[in-house]
Amino acid sequence: MNEIKIVTGLENAPEAADIRREVFMEEQGFKSEFDELDKTSVHAVLYIDGCPSATGRLFKGRSGWHIGRVAVRKEARGKGLGALIMQALEEKAASLGADYIKLSAQVRAEGFYERLGYKAEGEEYFDEHCPHISMIKWL
């Protein structure tokens, strides 16, 4: 059974931190995974049969609402969990009054976000060692 828990503040979602550490730091080699936004962001964690398997965060920045740090544990990939996390965070953003959502996608994941209705904006750029692209979706 799938369940999604949504909380404010990463301290209330230690499973989200574990997934992000595993995926972004250990697997992908990012160094600067955690930041001040984690304290006030909305964090979603998807559980499969009680096992935390995917996560993402939502926050309101100067340029509107943003989703980021979407991660799915390796053993849980290919099951549509990333799309479920995105849907949950988009619904939360809409309930908070968002008209659109922006995100910074790893270029290799651009197609995933396009299938969810996001459109690329601007030029590619690097975040640490990885090429990214800004994307937006109107709700």
N, C-alpha and C. Protein backbone atom coordinates (compact mmCIF):
# COMPACT_ATOMS: atom_id res chain seq x y z
N MET A 1 0.83 -1.19 0.00
CA MET A 1 0.00 0.00 0.00
C MET A 1 0.87 1.25 0.00
N ASN A 2 0.52 2.22 -0.85
CA ASN A 2 1.25 3.48 -0.92
C ASN A 2 0.60 4.51 -0.01
N GLU A 3 1.45 5.30 0.65
CA GLU A 3 0.99 6.40 1.50
C GLU A 3 1.97 7.55 1.31
N ILE A 4 1.46 8.78 1.25
CA ILE A 4 2.32 9.96 1.15
C ILE A 4 2.11 10.81 2.38
N LYS A 5 3.21 11.09 3.07
CA LYS A 5 3.20 11.96 4.25
C LYS A 5 3.74 13.32 3.82
N ILE A 6 3.02 14.38 4.19
CA ILE A 6 3.45 15.74 3.85
C ILE A 6 3.60 16.52 5.15
N VAL A 7 4.80 17.08 5.36
CA VAL A 7 5.09 17.84 6.57
C VAL A 7 5.89 19.09 6.22
N THR A 8 5.94 20.03 7.14
CA THR A 8 6.77 21.21 6.97
C THR A 8 8.02 21.05 7.82
N GLY A 9 9.17 21.32 7.21
CA GLY A 9 10.44 21.23 7.91
C GLY A 9 11.06 19.85 7.79
N LEU A 10 12.31 19.82 7.34
CA LEU A 10 12.99 18.54 7.15
C LEU A 10 13.18 17.78 8.46
N GLU A 11 13.24 18.51 9.57
CA GLU A 11 13.38 17.83 10.87
C GLU A 11 12.17 16.94 11.16
N ASN A 12 11.06 17.21 10.50
CA ASN A 12 9.85 16.40 10.67
C ASN A 12 9.74 15.28 9.63
N ALA A 13 10.75 15.17 8.78
CA ALA A 13 10.76 14.15 7.73
C ALA A 13 12.17 13.57 7.59
N PRO A 14 12.68 12.92 8.63
CA PRO A 14 14.05 12.38 8.55
C PRO A 14 14.22 11.36 7.42
N GLU A 15 13.13 10.69 7.04
CA GLU A 15 13.20 9.74 5.94
C GLU A 15 13.52 10.46 4.63
N ALA A 16 13.01 11.67 4.46
CA ALA A 16 13.31 12.46 3.27
C ALA A 16 14.81 12.75 3.19
N ALA A 17 15.40 13.12 4.32
CA ALA A 17 16.84 13.38 4.35
C ALA A 17 17.62 12.12 4.00
N ASP A 18 17.18 10.98 4.52
CA ASP A 18 17.87 9.72 4.22
C ASP A 18 17.84 9.41 2.73
N ILE A 19 16.67 9.57 2.11
CA ILE A 19 16.54 9.29 0.68
C ILE A 19 17.41 10.25 -0.13
N ARG A 20 17.38 11.52 0.19
CA ARG A 20 18.17 12.51 -0.54
C ARG A 20 19.66 12.25 -0.38
N ARG A 21 20.10 11.90 0.83
CA ARG A 21 21.51 11.59 1.07
C ARG A 21 21.93 10.40 0.19
N GLU A 22 21.10 9.37 0.19
CA GLU A 22 21.38 8.16 -0.58
C GLU A 22 21.45 8.45 -2.08
N VAL A 23 20.43 9.13 -2.61
CA VAL A 23 20.34 9.36 -4.05
C VAL A 23 21.30 10.45 -4.53
N PHE A 24 21.23 11.62 -3.92
CA PHE A 24 22.00 12.75 -4.44
C PHE A 24 23.47 12.74 -4.02
N MET A 25 23.75 12.37 -2.79
CA MET A 25 25.13 12.43 -2.32
C MET A 25 25.89 11.13 -2.62
N GLU A 26 25.35 10.00 -2.17
CA GLU A 26 26.07 8.74 -2.35
C GLU A 26 26.06 8.28 -3.81
N GLU A 27 24.90 8.34 -4.45
CA GLU A 27 24.77 7.84 -5.82
C GLU A 27 25.30 8.83 -6.86
N GLN A 28 24.91 10.11 -6.72
CA GLN A 28 25.21 11.09 -7.77
C GLN A 28 26.38 12.01 -7.44
N GLY A 29 26.90 11.97 -6.24
CA GLY A 29 28.10 12.71 -5.90
C GLY A 29 27.93 14.18 -5.57
N PHE A 30 26.70 14.63 -5.27
CA PHE A 30 26.51 16.02 -4.87
C PHE A 30 27.06 16.22 -3.46
N LYS A 31 27.59 17.40 -3.21
CA LYS A 31 28.17 17.71 -1.89
C LYS A 31 27.25 18.60 -1.06
N SER A 32 26.58 19.55 -1.72
CA SER A 32 25.77 20.55 -1.02
C SER A 32 24.28 20.21 -1.16
N GLU A 33 23.87 19.16 -0.53
CA GLU A 33 22.48 18.70 -0.69
C GLU A 33 21.50 19.43 0.20
N PHE A 34 21.88 19.78 1.41
CA PHE A 34 20.94 20.36 2.36
C PHE A 34 21.20 21.85 2.51
N ASP A 35 20.11 22.63 2.69
CA ASP A 35 20.25 24.09 2.77
C ASP A 35 19.20 24.66 3.73
N GLU A 36 19.22 25.96 3.86
CA GLU A 36 18.30 26.66 4.78
C GLU A 36 16.84 26.48 4.38
N LEU A 37 16.57 26.29 3.09
CA LEU A 37 15.18 26.11 2.64
C LEU A 37 14.54 24.87 3.24
N ASP A 38 15.35 23.89 3.61
CA ASP A 38 14.81 22.65 4.17
C ASP A 38 14.02 22.90 5.46
N LYS A 39 14.37 23.94 6.19
CA LYS A 39 13.70 24.22 7.47
C LYS A 39 12.25 24.66 7.30
N THR A 40 11.96 25.33 6.18
CA THR A 40 10.61 25.89 5.99
C THR A 40 9.85 25.27 4.82
N SER A 41 10.51 24.40 4.07
CA SER A 41 9.86 23.76 2.92
C SER A 41 8.85 22.71 3.37
N VAL A 42 7.91 22.44 2.48
CA VAL A 42 6.98 21.32 2.64
C VAL A 42 7.68 20.11 2.03
N HIS A 43 7.76 19.03 2.78
CA HIS A 43 8.43 17.81 2.32
C HIS A 43 7.40 16.69 2.20
N ALA A 44 7.46 15.99 1.08
CA ALA A 44 6.59 14.83 0.87
C ALA A 44 7.46 13.57 0.88
N VAL A 45 6.98 12.53 1.55
CA VAL A 45 7.65 11.23 1.56
C VAL A 45 6.62 10.19 1.17
N LEU A 46 6.94 9.39 0.17
CA LEU A 46 6.06 8.32 -0.26
C LEU A 46 6.57 7.00 0.32
N TYR A 47 5.66 6.28 0.95
CA TYR A 47 5.97 4.99 1.57
C TYR A 47 5.30 3.88 0.78
N ILE A 48 6.03 2.82 0.52
CA ILE A 48 5.46 1.61 -0.06
C ILE A 48 5.51 0.54 1.04
N ASP A 49 4.35 0.09 1.47
CA ASP A 49 4.26 -0.90 2.55
C ASP A 49 5.12 -0.49 3.75
N GLY A 50 5.06 0.81 4.08
CA GLY A 50 5.77 1.32 5.25
C GLY A 50 7.22 1.69 5.01
N CYS A 51 7.75 1.42 3.83
CA CYS A 51 9.16 1.71 3.52
C CYS A 51 9.26 3.04 2.78
N PRO A 52 9.98 4.03 3.33
CA PRO A 52 10.15 5.31 2.64
C PRO A 52 10.91 5.10 1.33
N SER A 53 10.29 5.49 0.22
CA SER A 53 10.84 5.16 -1.09
C SER A 53 11.08 6.35 -2.01
N ALA A 54 10.40 7.48 -1.79
CA ALA A 54 10.56 8.64 -2.66
C ALA A 54 10.27 9.91 -1.86
N THR A 55 10.81 11.02 -2.34
CA THR A 55 10.62 12.29 -1.64
C THR A 55 10.72 13.46 -2.60
N GLY A 56 10.30 14.62 -2.13
CA GLY A 56 10.45 15.88 -2.85
C GLY A 56 10.07 17.01 -1.91
N ARG A 57 10.43 18.24 -2.28
CA ARG A 57 10.08 19.38 -1.43
C ARG A 57 9.45 20.50 -2.25
N LEU A 58 8.70 21.34 -1.55
CA LEU A 58 7.99 22.48 -2.14
C LEU A 58 8.28 23.70 -1.28
N PHE A 59 8.59 24.82 -1.93
CA PHE A 59 8.78 26.07 -1.17
C PHE A 59 8.39 27.25 -2.04
N LYS A 60 8.08 28.35 -1.37
CA LYS A 60 7.77 29.59 -2.07
C LYS A 60 9.01 30.48 -2.01
N GLY A 61 9.53 30.80 -3.19
CA GLY A 61 10.70 31.67 -3.29
C GLY A 61 10.29 33.03 -3.83
N ARG A 62 11.27 33.86 -4.13
CA ARG A 62 10.99 35.20 -4.66
C ARG A 62 10.28 35.15 -6.01
N SER A 63 10.54 34.09 -6.79
CA SER A 63 9.93 34.01 -8.12
C SER A 63 8.77 33.02 -8.16
N GLY A 64 8.17 32.75 -7.01
CA GLY A 64 7.00 31.87 -6.97
C GLY A 64 7.28 30.53 -6.31
N TRP A 65 6.43 29.56 -6.58
CA TRP A 65 6.51 28.24 -5.96
C TRP A 65 7.48 27.35 -6.72
N HIS A 66 8.26 26.58 -5.97
CA HIS A 66 9.28 25.71 -6.54
C HIS A 66 9.16 24.30 -5.96
N ILE A 67 9.34 23.31 -6.81
CA ILE A 67 9.49 21.93 -6.37
C ILE A 67 10.93 21.54 -6.65
N GLY A 68 11.50 20.78 -5.74
CA GLY A 68 12.87 20.33 -5.93
C GLY A 68 13.18 19.12 -5.08
N ARG A 69 14.42 18.68 -5.23
CA ARG A 69 14.94 17.55 -4.44
C ARG A 69 14.07 16.30 -4.58
N VAL A 70 13.52 16.10 -5.77
CA VAL A 70 12.71 14.91 -6.03
C VAL A 70 13.66 13.73 -6.21
N ALA A 71 13.48 12.71 -5.39
CA ALA A 71 14.38 11.55 -5.41
C ALA A 71 13.61 10.28 -5.13
N VAL A 72 13.97 9.22 -5.85
CA VAL A 72 13.39 7.90 -5.65
C VAL A 72 14.53 6.92 -5.41
N ARG A 73 14.40 6.13 -4.36
CA ARG A 73 15.42 5.12 -4.08
C ARG A 73 15.58 4.18 -5.26
N LYS A 74 16.81 3.76 -5.52
CA LYS A 74 17.14 2.93 -6.69
C LYS A 74 16.22 1.73 -6.83
N GLU A 75 15.99 1.01 -5.75
CA GLU A 75 15.19 -0.22 -5.81
C GLU A 75 13.71 0.05 -6.08
N ALA A 76 13.28 1.31 -5.98
CA ALA A 76 11.87 1.65 -6.18
C ALA A 76 11.61 2.37 -7.50
N ARG A 77 12.62 2.53 -8.32
CA ARG A 77 12.46 3.27 -9.58
C ARG A 77 11.68 2.47 -10.61
N GLY A 78 11.09 3.20 -11.55
CA GLY A 78 10.35 2.57 -12.63
C GLY A 78 8.93 2.19 -12.26
N LYS A 79 8.45 2.68 -11.12
CA LYS A 79 7.11 2.34 -10.65
C LYS A 79 6.17 3.55 -10.61
N GLY A 80 6.63 4.68 -11.15
CA GLY A 80 5.79 5.87 -11.17
C GLY A 80 5.78 6.66 -9.88
N LEU A 81 6.71 6.38 -8.97
CA LEU A 81 6.70 7.06 -7.66
C LEU A 81 7.08 8.53 -7.77
N GLY A 82 8.00 8.85 -8.67
CA GLY A 82 8.37 10.25 -8.86
C GLY A 82 7.17 11.07 -9.30
N ALA A 83 6.36 10.52 -10.20
CA ALA A 83 5.16 11.22 -10.66
C ALA A 83 4.17 11.39 -9.52
N LEU A 84 4.05 10.39 -8.64
CA LEU A 84 3.14 10.50 -7.49
C LEU A 84 3.59 11.60 -6.52
N ILE A 85 4.90 11.69 -6.28
CA ILE A 85 5.44 12.76 -5.42
C ILE A 85 5.15 14.12 -6.06
N MET A 86 5.40 14.24 -7.36
CA MET A 86 5.14 15.51 -8.05
C MET A 86 3.67 15.88 -7.95
N GLN A 87 2.78 14.94 -8.16
CA GLN A 87 1.34 15.21 -8.09
C GLN A 87 0.96 15.70 -6.69
N ALA A 88 1.48 15.04 -5.66
CA ALA A 88 1.17 15.45 -4.29
C ALA A 88 1.66 16.86 -4.01
N LEU A 89 2.87 17.18 -4.47
CA LEU A 89 3.41 18.52 -4.22
C LEU A 89 2.70 19.58 -5.06
N GLU A 90 2.32 19.24 -6.28
CA GLU A 90 1.55 20.18 -7.11
C GLU A 90 0.19 20.47 -6.47
N GLU A 91 -0.47 19.44 -5.96
CA GLU A 91 -1.76 19.64 -5.29
C GLU A 91 -1.60 20.50 -4.05
N LYS A 92 -0.53 20.29 -3.30
CA LYS A 92 -0.28 21.11 -2.11
C LYS A 92 -0.04 22.56 -2.52
N ALA A 93 0.76 22.77 -3.56
CA ALA A 93 1.03 24.13 -4.04
C ALA A 93 -0.26 24.82 -4.48
N ALA A 94 -1.10 24.10 -5.21
CA ALA A 94 -2.38 24.67 -5.66
C ALA A 94 -3.24 25.04 -4.46
N SER A 95 -3.25 24.20 -3.42
CA SER A 95 -4.05 24.50 -2.22
C SER A 95 -3.53 25.72 -1.48
N LEU A 96 -2.26 26.06 -1.71
CA LEU A 96 -1.66 27.24 -1.09
C LEU A 96 -1.73 28.47 -2.00
N GLY A 97 -2.41 28.33 -3.15
CA GLY A 97 -2.62 29.47 -4.03
C GLY A 97 -1.68 29.60 -5.20
N ALA A 98 -0.86 28.60 -5.48
CA ALA A 98 0.08 28.68 -6.59
C ALA A 98 -0.64 28.64 -7.93
N ASP A 99 -0.21 29.49 -8.85
CA ASP A 99 -0.70 29.49 -10.23
C ASP A 99 0.22 28.68 -11.13
N TYR A 100 1.48 28.58 -10.72
CA TYR A 100 2.48 27.86 -11.49
C TYR A 100 3.55 27.34 -10.54
N ILE A 101 4.34 26.40 -11.05
CA ILE A 101 5.45 25.84 -10.28
C ILE A 101 6.69 25.87 -11.16
N LYS A 102 7.80 26.25 -10.57
CA LYS A 102 9.08 26.22 -11.25
C LYS A 102 9.93 25.11 -10.63
N LEU A 103 10.87 24.61 -11.41
CA LEU A 103 11.83 23.66 -10.86
C LEU A 103 13.12 23.73 -11.64
N SER A 104 14.17 23.22 -11.03
CA SER A 104 15.48 23.12 -11.64
C SER A 104 15.74 21.64 -11.86
N ALA A 105 15.61 21.20 -13.12
CA ALA A 105 15.70 19.77 -13.43
C ALA A 105 17.10 19.39 -13.89
N GLN A 106 17.57 18.24 -13.43
CA GLN A 106 18.76 17.67 -14.04
C GLN A 106 18.39 17.42 -15.50
N VAL A 107 19.28 17.77 -16.42
CA VAL A 107 18.98 17.64 -17.84
C VAL A 107 18.58 16.19 -18.17
N ARG A 108 19.21 15.23 -17.53
CA ARG A 108 18.88 13.83 -17.82
C ARG A 108 17.45 13.48 -17.39
N ALA A 109 16.82 14.30 -16.53
CA ALA A 109 15.44 14.05 -16.09
C ALA A 109 14.44 14.98 -16.79
N GLU A 110 14.89 15.76 -17.74
CA GLU A 110 14.02 16.74 -18.41
C GLU A 110 12.80 16.07 -19.02
N GLY A 111 12.97 14.92 -19.66
CA GLY A 111 11.85 14.22 -20.28
C GLY A 111 10.79 13.79 -19.28
N PHE A 112 11.22 13.37 -18.09
CA PHE A 112 10.30 13.01 -17.01
C PHE A 112 9.39 14.19 -16.69
N TYR A 113 9.98 15.37 -16.51
CA TYR A 113 9.20 16.55 -16.16
C TYR A 113 8.33 17.02 -17.34
N GLU A 114 8.84 16.89 -18.55
CA GLU A 114 8.03 17.24 -19.73
C GLU A 114 6.76 16.40 -19.78
N ARG A 115 6.88 15.10 -19.47
CA ARG A 115 5.70 14.22 -19.49
C ARG A 115 4.68 14.63 -18.43
N LEU A 116 5.13 15.36 -17.42
CA LEU A 116 4.23 15.84 -16.37
C LEU A 116 3.71 17.25 -16.66
N GLY A 117 4.05 17.80 -17.83
CA GLY A 117 3.52 19.09 -18.24
C GLY A 117 4.43 20.28 -18.06
N TYR A 118 5.70 20.06 -17.68
CA TYR A 118 6.65 21.15 -17.49
C TYR A 118 7.31 21.51 -18.82
N LYS A 119 7.64 22.80 -18.97
CA LYS A 119 8.30 23.29 -20.18
C LYS A 119 9.63 23.93 -19.78
N ALA A 120 10.66 23.63 -20.56
CA ALA A 120 11.99 24.19 -20.30
C ALA A 120 12.00 25.69 -20.57
N GLU A 121 12.80 26.41 -19.77
CA GLU A 121 12.99 27.86 -19.93
C GLU A 121 14.49 28.17 -19.89
N GLY A 122 14.95 28.96 -20.81
CA GLY A 122 16.33 29.43 -20.76
C GLY A 122 17.35 28.38 -21.16
N GLU A 123 18.59 28.66 -20.78
CA GLU A 123 19.72 27.83 -21.16
C GLU A 123 20.08 26.86 -20.03
N GLU A 124 20.78 25.81 -20.42
CA GLU A 124 21.29 24.87 -19.42
C GLU A 124 22.35 25.56 -18.57
N TYR A 125 22.49 25.10 -17.34
CA TYR A 125 23.50 25.61 -16.42
C TYR A 125 23.95 24.46 -15.53
N PHE A 126 25.05 24.65 -14.83
CA PHE A 126 25.57 23.61 -13.95
C PHE A 126 25.23 23.90 -12.50
N ASP A 127 24.79 22.87 -11.81
CA ASP A 127 24.65 22.89 -10.36
C ASP A 127 25.64 21.84 -9.89
N GLU A 128 26.68 22.30 -9.19
CA GLU A 128 27.84 21.47 -8.90
C GLU A 128 28.35 20.92 -10.23
N HIS A 129 28.40 19.63 -10.40
CA HIS A 129 28.98 19.00 -11.60
C HIS A 129 27.94 18.60 -12.64
N CYS A 130 26.67 18.91 -12.40
CA CYS A 130 25.58 18.34 -13.17
C CYS A 130 24.81 19.40 -13.96
N PRO A 131 24.60 19.18 -15.29
CA PRO A 131 23.81 20.14 -16.08
C PRO A 131 22.33 20.12 -15.67
N HIS A 132 21.77 21.31 -15.53
CA HIS A 132 20.37 21.51 -15.14
C HIS A 132 19.68 22.44 -16.13
N ILE A 133 18.36 22.44 -16.09
CA ILE A 133 17.55 23.35 -16.90
C ILE A 133 16.36 23.82 -16.05
N SER A 134 16.02 25.10 -16.14
CA SER A 134 14.83 25.61 -15.45
C SER A 134 13.60 25.19 -16.22
N MET A 135 12.55 24.83 -15.47
CA MET A 135 11.29 24.41 -16.10
C MET A 135 10.12 25.02 -15.33
N ILE A 136 8.98 25.15 -16.03
CA ILE A 136 7.80 25.74 -15.41
C ILE A 136 6.55 24.98 -15.87
N LYS A 137 5.56 24.95 -14.98
CA LYS A 137 4.26 24.37 -15.30
C LYS A 137 3.19 25.28 -14.73
N TRP A 138 2.23 25.66 -15.57
CA TRP A 138 1.09 26.45 -15.11
C TRP A 138 0.03 25.47 -14.61
N LEU A 139 -0.52 25.78 -13.44
CA LEU A 139 -1.52 24.88 -12.86
C LEU A 139 -2.92 25.25 -13.30
